[in-house]
Amino acid sequence: MARILVVEDDNSIAMAMSWMVEDAGHSIVGPERTVATTRQVLARQRVDLALLDVMLGGETVFPISDLLDLAGTPFIFVTAHPASAFPVKYRHRPVMLKPCRPRALMALIGQILGETNPA
């Protein structure tokens, strides 16, 4: 069972993603709504993977993706924005466009975590 961080400022989307991940047998960290609260969580908890909305209110999640990179923690951008709209250094990262299909999201999570039989 992986510990998956959800960073999403829309409560209904955050809850839907959390339920999908929990239904697949993983545990949720968060959901977190801001860069500041996510930094606090990452300072005290280890996560195996993160699901990151790119726009959190008026700020971007890129400072969090930098922290995750430093820790060697994989992440998936879950956003309405195509990767081509990201700064160049983030364009090669996995992206799941909103609205995302649960099976597609869980398959991508399984692939990144190296699960042989993802949900």
C-alpha atoms as a PDB file:
ATOM      1  CA  MET A   1       0.000   0.000   0.000  1.00  0.00           C
ATOM      2  CA  ALA A   2       1.458   3.338  -1.091  1.00  0.00           C
ATOM      3  CA  ARG A   3       1.091   6.668   0.683  1.00  0.00           C
ATOM      4  CA  ILE A   4      -0.217   9.084  -1.950  1.00  0.00           C
ATOM      5  CA  LEU A   5      -0.318  12.833  -1.428  1.00  0.00           C
ATOM      6  CA  VAL A   6      -3.221  14.700  -3.024  1.00  0.00           C
ATOM      7  CA  VAL A   7      -2.688  18.430  -3.660  1.00  0.00           C
ATOM      8  CA  GLU A   8      -5.874  19.954  -5.084  1.00  0.00           C
ATOM      9  CA  ASP A   9      -7.703  23.176  -4.201  1.00  0.00           C
ATOM     10  CA  ASP A  10     -11.125  22.098  -5.493  1.00  0.00           C
ATOM     11  CA  ASN A  11     -12.703  20.153  -2.636  1.00  0.00           C
ATOM     12  CA  SER A  12     -14.967  17.963  -4.783  1.00  0.00           C
ATOM     13  CA  ILE A  13     -12.099  16.952  -7.089  1.00  0.00           C
ATOM     14  CA  ALA A  14      -9.792  16.351  -4.117  1.00  0.00           C
ATOM     15  CA  MET A  15     -12.334  14.084  -2.454  1.00  0.00           C
ATOM     16  CA  ALA A  16     -13.074  12.166  -5.665  1.00  0.00           C
ATOM     17  CA  MET A  17      -9.348  11.538  -6.271  1.00  0.00           C
ATOM     18  CA  SER A  18      -8.864  10.532  -2.644  1.00  0.00           C
ATOM     19  CA  TRP A  19     -11.704   8.028  -2.793  1.00  0.00           C
ATOM     20  CA  MET A  20     -10.367   6.542  -6.049  1.00  0.00           C
ATOM     21  CA  VAL A  21      -6.931   6.083  -4.540  1.00  0.00           C
ATOM     22  CA  GLU A  22      -8.293   4.617  -1.292  1.00  0.00           C
ATOM     23  CA  ASP A  23     -10.578   2.243  -3.227  1.00  0.00           C
ATOM     24  CA  ALA A  24      -7.442   0.935  -4.953  1.00  0.00           C
ATOM     25  CA  GLY A  25      -5.933   0.095  -1.555  1.00  0.00           C
ATOM     26  CA  HIS A  26      -3.589   3.030  -1.041  1.00  0.00           C
ATOM     27  CA  SER A  27      -3.576   5.527   1.821  1.00  0.00           C
ATOM     28  CA  ILE A  28      -4.080   9.247   1.327  1.00  0.00           C
ATOM     29  CA  VAL A  29      -1.993  12.065   2.682  1.00  0.00           C
ATOM     30  CA  GLY A  30      -3.982  15.289   2.539  1.00  0.00           C
ATOM     31  CA  PRO A  31      -5.687  16.496   0.517  1.00  0.00           C
ATOM     32  CA  GLU A  32      -3.771  19.750   0.738  1.00  0.00           C
ATOM     33  CA  ARG A  33      -4.969  22.994  -0.859  1.00  0.00           C
ATOM     34  CA  THR A  34      -1.919  25.292  -0.836  1.00  0.00           C
ATOM     35  CA  VAL A  35       1.826  25.236  -1.395  1.00  0.00           C
ATOM     36  CA  ALA A  36       2.409  26.337   2.228  1.00  0.00           C
ATOM     37  CA  THR A  37       0.381  23.538   3.831  1.00  0.00           C
ATOM     38  CA  THR A  38       1.856  20.981   1.444  1.00  0.00           C
ATOM     39  CA  ARG A  39       5.384  22.066   2.442  1.00  0.00           C
ATOM     40  CA  GLN A  40       4.459  21.510   6.105  1.00  0.00           C
ATOM     41  CA  VAL A  41       3.131  18.032   5.379  1.00  0.00           C
ATOM     42  CA  LEU A  42       6.207  17.051   3.364  1.00  0.00           C
ATOM     43  CA  ALA A  43       8.469  18.279   6.180  1.00  0.00           C
ATOM     44  CA  ARG A  44       6.978  15.699   8.562  1.00  0.00           C
ATOM     45  CA  GLN A  45       5.669  12.848   6.391  1.00  0.00           C
ATOM     46  CA  ARG A  46       7.061  10.557   3.734  1.00  0.00           C
ATOM     47  CA  VAL A  47       4.959   9.930   0.646  1.00  0.00           C
ATOM     48  CA  ASP A  48       5.436   7.425  -2.168  1.00  0.00           C
ATOM     49  CA  LEU A  49       3.753   9.456  -4.910  1.00  0.00           C
ATOM     50  CA  ALA A  50       1.917  12.765  -5.273  1.00  0.00           C
ATOM     51  CA  LEU A  51      -1.025  13.897  -7.383  1.00  0.00           C
ATOM     52  CA  LEU A  52      -0.584  17.610  -8.055  1.00  0.00           C
ATOM     53  CA  ASP A  53      -3.048  20.137  -9.413  1.00  0.00           C
ATOM     54  CA  VAL A  54      -0.937  22.748 -11.224  1.00  0.00           C
ATOM     55  CA  MET A  55      -2.981  25.818 -10.227  1.00  0.00           C
ATOM     56  CA  LEU A  56      -3.777  26.220  -6.530  1.00  0.00           C
ATOM     57  CA  GLY A  57      -5.765  29.422  -6.294  1.00  0.00           C
ATOM     58  CA  GLY A  58      -3.355  32.101  -7.458  1.00  0.00           C
ATOM     59  CA  GLU A  59      -0.180  30.030  -7.141  1.00  0.00           C
ATOM     60  CA  THR A  60       1.400  27.164  -9.032  1.00  0.00           C
ATOM     61  CA  VAL A  61       2.382  23.837  -7.510  1.00  0.00           C
ATOM     62  CA  PHE A  62       5.859  23.895  -9.078  1.00  0.00           C
ATOM     63  CA  PRO A  63       7.687  24.645  -5.778  1.00  0.00           C
ATOM     64  CA  ILE A  64       6.203  21.382  -4.459  1.00  0.00           C
ATOM     65  CA  SER A  65       7.250  19.427  -7.535  1.00  0.00           C
ATOM     66  CA  ASP A  66      10.792  20.752  -6.944  1.00  0.00           C
ATOM     67  CA  LEU A  67      10.716  19.463  -3.342  1.00  0.00           C
ATOM     68  CA  LEU A  68       9.438  16.093  -4.495  1.00  0.00           C
ATOM     69  CA  ASP A  69      12.195  15.920  -7.119  1.00  0.00           C
ATOM     70  CA  LEU A  70      14.830  16.576  -4.453  1.00  0.00           C
ATOM     71  CA  ALA A  71      13.373  13.756  -2.348  1.00  0.00           C
ATOM     72  CA  GLY A  72      13.188  11.399  -5.333  1.00  0.00           C
ATOM     73  CA  THR A  73       9.410  11.129  -4.989  1.00  0.00           C
ATOM     74  CA  PRO A  74       7.429  10.620  -8.198  1.00  0.00           C
ATOM     75  CA  PHE A  75       4.432  12.779  -8.986  1.00  0.00           C
ATOM     76  CA  ILE A  76       1.669  13.195 -11.535  1.00  0.00           C
ATOM     77  CA  PHE A  77       0.266  16.547 -12.588  1.00  0.00           C
ATOM     78  CA  VAL A  78      -3.548  16.282 -12.547  1.00  0.00           C
ATOM     79  CA  THR A  79      -4.691  19.423 -14.321  1.00  0.00           C
ATOM     80  CA  ALA A  80      -6.802  21.028 -17.002  1.00  0.00           C
ATOM     81  CA  HIS A  81      -3.644  22.541 -18.511  1.00  0.00           C
ATOM     82  CA  PRO A  82      -1.687  20.654 -21.197  1.00  0.00           C
ATOM     83  CA  ALA A  83       1.991  19.962 -20.508  1.00  0.00           C
ATOM     84  CA  SER A  84       2.884  22.355 -23.331  1.00  0.00           C
ATOM     85  CA  ALA A  85       1.687  25.203 -21.065  1.00  0.00           C
ATOM     86  CA  PHE A  86       4.158  24.220 -18.300  1.00  0.00           C
ATOM     87  CA  PRO A  87       7.661  25.603 -17.891  1.00  0.00           C
ATOM     88  CA  VAL A  88      10.047  23.522 -20.012  1.00  0.00           C
ATOM     89  CA  LYS A  89      11.596  21.679 -17.056  1.00  0.00           C
ATOM     90  CA  TYR A  90       8.220  20.085 -16.187  1.00  0.00           C
ATOM     91  CA  ARG A  91       6.973  19.126 -19.654  1.00  0.00           C
ATOM     92  CA  HIS A  92       8.341  15.572 -19.514  1.00  0.00           C
ATOM     93  CA  ARG A  93       6.443  14.740 -16.309  1.00  0.00           C
ATOM     94  CA  PRO A  94       3.363  12.511 -16.271  1.00  0.00           C
ATOM     95  CA  VAL A  95       0.136  14.454 -16.794  1.00  0.00           C
ATOM     96  CA  MET A  96      -3.463  13.364 -16.330  1.00  0.00           C
ATOM     97  CA  LEU A  97      -5.868  15.870 -17.858  1.00  0.00           C
ATOM     98  CA  LYS A  98      -9.009  16.802 -15.933  1.00  0.00           C
ATOM     99  CA  PRO A  99     -11.582  15.526 -15.880  1.00  0.00           C
ATOM    100  CA  CYS A 100      -9.684  12.287 -15.497  1.00  0.00           C
ATOM    101  CA  ARG A 101     -11.088   8.830 -15.858  1.00  0.00           C
ATOM    102  CA  PRO A 102     -10.591   6.777 -12.687  1.00  0.00           C
ATOM    103  CA  ARG A 103      -9.212   3.736 -14.527  1.00  0.00           C
ATOM    104  CA  ALA A 104      -6.716   5.843 -16.454  1.00  0.00           C
ATOM    105  CA  LEU A 105      -5.516   7.589 -13.299  1.00  0.00           C
ATOM    106  CA  MET A 106      -5.170   4.325 -11.385  1.00  0.00           C
ATOM    107  CA  ALA A 107      -3.352   2.693 -14.301  1.00  0.00           C
ATOM    108  CA  LEU A 108      -0.846   5.568 -14.392  1.00  0.00           C
ATOM    109  CA  ILE A 109      -0.363   5.395 -10.615  1.00  0.00           C
ATOM    110  CA  GLY A 110       0.196   1.643 -10.871  1.00  0.00           C
ATOM    111  CA  GLN A 111       2.682   2.082 -13.676  1.00  0.00           C
ATOM    112  CA  ILE A 112       4.692   4.666 -11.756  1.00  0.00           C
ATOM    113  CA  LEU A 113       4.644   2.622  -8.540  1.00  0.00           C
ATOM    114  CA  GLY A 114       5.658  -0.500 -10.462  1.00  0.00           C
ATOM    115  CA  GLU A 115       2.561  -2.453  -9.535  1.00  0.00           C
ATOM    116  CA  THR A 116       2.194  -5.652 -11.511  1.00  0.00           C
ATOM    117  CA  ASN A 117      -1.597  -5.634 -11.276  1.00  0.00           C
ATOM    118  CA  PRO A 118      -2.789  -2.036 -10.786  1.00  0.00           C
ATOM    119  CA  ALA A 119      -6.443  -1.409  -9.914  1.00  0.00           C
END
